[in-house]
Amino acid sequence: SLGRAPSPGAPQATTFGKIGEAFAEADGAAAASVQAYFKAGGDWDALSAGVGAVAGDADVPKGVRKAAKAFLAATSATLESYNTGAFDKAFEQYESALVILAGFCARA
């Protein structure tokens, strides 16, 4: 830890980890879970704002900032794939984003 309070969006990071099952499923309930997480004003907005703040904080070590930026980029690619119907690709990208997020949380 960097000696700060937990990062903004920490509960949403946990929720991000839990939506993995929804990415893997092909039913309507799963799609609703993914869409609810990423809706405007939802958990994704809170998580991305918290991670984005760390990415832009010059007082945070460079490696942590790079991990934050990598997570945001990976999740953006995930959403693009998901929104275009490439669900298998979106799931693979989600898994990569989740690994990056875990590393980011361990360093932040």
C-alpha atoms as a PDB file:
ATOM      1  CA  SER A   1       0.000   0.000   0.000  1.00  0.00           C
ATOM      2  CA  LEU A   2       1.102   3.554  -0.596  1.00  0.00           C
ATOM      3  CA  GLY A   3       0.043   4.598   2.897  1.00  0.00           C
ATOM      4  CA  ARG A   4      -3.293   5.999   1.713  1.00  0.00           C
ATOM      5  CA  ALA A   5      -6.868   5.080   2.379  1.00  0.00           C
ATOM      6  CA  PRO A   6      -8.313   2.403   0.072  1.00  0.00           C
ATOM      7  CA  SER A   7      -8.609   3.568  -3.512  1.00  0.00           C
ATOM      8  CA  PRO A   8     -11.888   5.092  -4.575  1.00  0.00           C
ATOM      9  CA  GLY A   9     -13.913   2.405  -6.299  1.00  0.00           C
ATOM     10  CA  ALA A  10     -12.562  -0.480  -4.206  1.00  0.00           C
ATOM     11  CA  PRO A  11     -16.032  -2.057  -3.800  1.00  0.00           C
ATOM     12  CA  GLN A  12     -16.540  -1.724  -7.557  1.00  0.00           C
ATOM     13  CA  ALA A  13     -13.249  -3.536  -8.144  1.00  0.00           C
ATOM     14  CA  THR A  14     -14.680  -6.487  -6.234  1.00  0.00           C
ATOM     15  CA  THR A  15     -17.845  -6.289  -8.311  1.00  0.00           C
ATOM     16  CA  PHE A  16     -15.713  -6.158 -11.481  1.00  0.00           C
ATOM     17  CA  GLY A  17     -14.235  -9.495 -10.433  1.00  0.00           C
ATOM     18  CA  LYS A  18     -17.687 -10.970  -9.873  1.00  0.00           C
ATOM     19  CA  ILE A  19     -19.057 -10.129 -13.323  1.00  0.00           C
ATOM     20  CA  GLY A  20     -16.646 -12.602 -14.918  1.00  0.00           C
ATOM     21  CA  GLU A  21     -19.249 -15.335 -14.764  1.00  0.00           C
ATOM     22  CA  ALA A  22     -21.674 -13.099 -16.635  1.00  0.00           C
ATOM     23  CA  PHE A  23     -19.117 -12.522 -19.384  1.00  0.00           C
ATOM     24  CA  ALA A  24     -18.769 -16.286 -19.758  1.00  0.00           C
ATOM     25  CA  GLU A  25     -22.514 -16.927 -20.034  1.00  0.00           C
ATOM     26  CA  ALA A  26     -24.609 -16.353 -23.122  1.00  0.00           C
ATOM     27  CA  ASP A  27     -28.024 -15.805 -21.538  1.00  0.00           C
ATOM     28  CA  GLY A  28     -30.116 -12.701 -21.034  1.00  0.00           C
ATOM     29  CA  ALA A  29     -29.605 -12.530 -17.263  1.00  0.00           C
ATOM     30  CA  ALA A  30     -25.835 -12.548 -17.731  1.00  0.00           C
ATOM     31  CA  ALA A  31     -26.026  -9.809 -20.336  1.00  0.00           C
ATOM     32  CA  ALA A  32     -28.178  -7.755 -17.967  1.00  0.00           C
ATOM     33  CA  SER A  33     -25.517  -8.120 -15.247  1.00  0.00           C
ATOM     34  CA  VAL A  34     -22.754  -6.892 -17.543  1.00  0.00           C
ATOM     35  CA  GLN A  35     -24.882  -4.025 -18.811  1.00  0.00           C
ATOM     36  CA  ALA A  36     -25.878  -2.998 -15.273  1.00  0.00           C
ATOM     37  CA  TYR A  37     -22.235  -2.909 -14.180  1.00  0.00           C
ATOM     38  CA  PHE A  38     -21.180  -0.709 -17.095  1.00  0.00           C
ATOM     39  CA  LYS A  39     -24.266   1.560 -17.225  1.00  0.00           C
ATOM     40  CA  ALA A  40     -23.718   5.305 -16.928  1.00  0.00           C
ATOM     41  CA  GLY A  41     -23.398   6.253 -13.278  1.00  0.00           C
ATOM     42  CA  GLY A  42     -22.855   2.626 -12.265  1.00  0.00           C
ATOM     43  CA  ASP A  43     -20.050   0.716 -10.608  1.00  0.00           C
ATOM     44  CA  TRP A  44     -17.799   0.972 -13.671  1.00  0.00           C
ATOM     45  CA  ASP A  45     -17.920   4.764 -13.599  1.00  0.00           C
ATOM     46  CA  ALA A  46     -16.857   4.761  -9.938  1.00  0.00           C
ATOM     47  CA  LEU A  47     -14.059   2.246 -10.531  1.00  0.00           C
ATOM     48  CA  SER A  48     -12.730   3.952 -13.646  1.00  0.00           C
ATOM     49  CA  ALA A  49     -12.780   7.341 -11.896  1.00  0.00           C
ATOM     50  CA  GLY A  50     -10.783   5.958  -8.970  1.00  0.00           C
ATOM     51  CA  VAL A  51      -8.286   4.143 -11.190  1.00  0.00           C
ATOM     52  CA  GLY A  52      -8.065   7.152 -13.501  1.00  0.00           C
ATOM     53  CA  ALA A  53      -7.255   9.417 -10.552  1.00  0.00           C
ATOM     54  CA  VAL A  54      -4.362   7.148  -9.612  1.00  0.00           C
ATOM     55  CA  ALA A  55      -3.178   7.032 -13.237  1.00  0.00           C
ATOM     56  CA  GLY A  56      -2.964  10.821 -13.292  1.00  0.00           C
ATOM     57  CA  ASP A  57      -1.352  11.296  -9.862  1.00  0.00           C
ATOM     58  CA  ALA A  58       2.315  12.222 -10.276  1.00  0.00           C
ATOM     59  CA  ASP A  59       2.936  11.274  -6.625  1.00  0.00           C
ATOM     60  CA  VAL A  60       2.058   7.647  -7.355  1.00  0.00           C
ATOM     61  CA  PRO A  61       4.932   5.394  -8.498  1.00  0.00           C
ATOM     62  CA  LYS A  62       5.227   5.096 -12.273  1.00  0.00           C
ATOM     63  CA  GLY A  63       4.592   1.336 -12.279  1.00  0.00           C
ATOM     64  CA  VAL A  64       1.284   1.792 -10.476  1.00  0.00           C
ATOM     65  CA  ARG A  65       0.238   4.553 -12.879  1.00  0.00           C
ATOM     66  CA  LYS A  66       1.143   2.331 -15.845  1.00  0.00           C
ATOM     67  CA  ALA A  67      -0.908  -0.542 -14.404  1.00  0.00           C
ATOM     68  CA  ALA A  68      -3.864   1.817 -13.944  1.00  0.00           C
ATOM     69  CA  LYS A  69      -3.652   2.977 -17.553  1.00  0.00           C
ATOM     70  CA  ALA A  70      -3.257  -0.611 -18.792  1.00  0.00           C
ATOM     71  CA  PHE A  71      -6.361  -1.687 -16.874  1.00  0.00           C
ATOM     72  CA  LEU A  72      -8.430   1.153 -18.294  1.00  0.00           C
ATOM     73  CA  ALA A  73      -7.240   0.360 -21.836  1.00  0.00           C
ATOM     74  CA  ALA A  74      -7.910  -3.376 -21.430  1.00  0.00           C
ATOM     75  CA  THR A  75     -11.400  -2.738 -20.115  1.00  0.00           C
ATOM     76  CA  SER A  76     -12.123  -0.332 -22.954  1.00  0.00           C
ATOM     77  CA  ALA A  77     -11.157  -3.073 -25.431  1.00  0.00           C
ATOM     78  CA  THR A  78     -13.357  -5.523 -23.523  1.00  0.00           C
ATOM     79  CA  LEU A  79     -16.364  -3.241 -23.801  1.00  0.00           C
ATOM     80  CA  GLU A  80     -15.753  -2.613 -27.482  1.00  0.00           C
ATOM     81  CA  SER A  81     -15.711  -6.350 -28.177  1.00  0.00           C
ATOM     82  CA  TYR A  82     -18.757  -6.968 -25.999  1.00  0.00           C
ATOM     83  CA  ASN A  83     -20.759  -4.184 -27.603  1.00  0.00           C
ATOM     84  CA  THR A  84     -20.012  -5.516 -31.090  1.00  0.00           C
ATOM     85  CA  GLY A  85     -21.098  -9.040 -30.199  1.00  0.00           C
ATOM     86  CA  ALA A  86     -17.633 -10.608 -29.991  1.00  0.00           C
ATOM     87  CA  PHE A  87     -18.453 -12.224 -26.646  1.00  0.00           C
ATOM     88  CA  ASP A  88     -15.675 -14.846 -26.581  1.00  0.00           C
ATOM     89  CA  LYS A  89     -13.100 -12.162 -27.335  1.00  0.00           C
ATOM     90  CA  ALA A  90     -14.662  -9.878 -24.708  1.00  0.00           C
ATOM     91  CA  PHE A  91     -14.370 -12.631 -22.104  1.00  0.00           C
ATOM     92  CA  GLU A  92     -10.680 -13.170 -22.912  1.00  0.00           C
ATOM     93  CA  GLN A  93     -10.058  -9.428 -22.707  1.00  0.00           C
ATOM     94  CA  TYR A  94     -12.007  -9.236 -19.452  1.00  0.00           C
ATOM     95  CA  GLU A  95      -9.768 -11.938 -17.971  1.00  0.00           C
ATOM     96  CA  SER A  96      -6.686  -9.932 -18.976  1.00  0.00           C
ATOM     97  CA  ALA A  97      -8.174  -6.771 -17.475  1.00  0.00           C
ATOM     98  CA  LEU A  98      -8.931  -8.664 -14.268  1.00  0.00           C
ATOM     99  CA  VAL A  99      -5.312  -9.825 -13.961  1.00  0.00           C
ATOM    100  CA  ILE A 100      -4.116  -6.246 -14.497  1.00  0.00           C
ATOM    101  CA  LEU A 101      -6.613  -4.985 -11.908  1.00  0.00           C
ATOM    102  CA  ALA A 102      -5.398  -7.550  -9.367  1.00  0.00           C
ATOM    103  CA  GLY A 103      -1.799  -6.413  -9.917  1.00  0.00           C
ATOM    104  CA  PHE A 104      -2.827  -2.781  -9.706  1.00  0.00           C
ATOM    105  CA  CYS A 105      -4.700  -3.334  -6.436  1.00  0.00           C
ATOM    106  CA  ALA A 106      -1.709  -5.188  -4.974  1.00  0.00           C
ATOM    107  CA  ARG A 107       0.596  -2.252  -5.803  1.00  0.00           C
ATOM    108  CA  ALA A 108      -1.733   0.677  -5.039  1.00  0.00           C
END
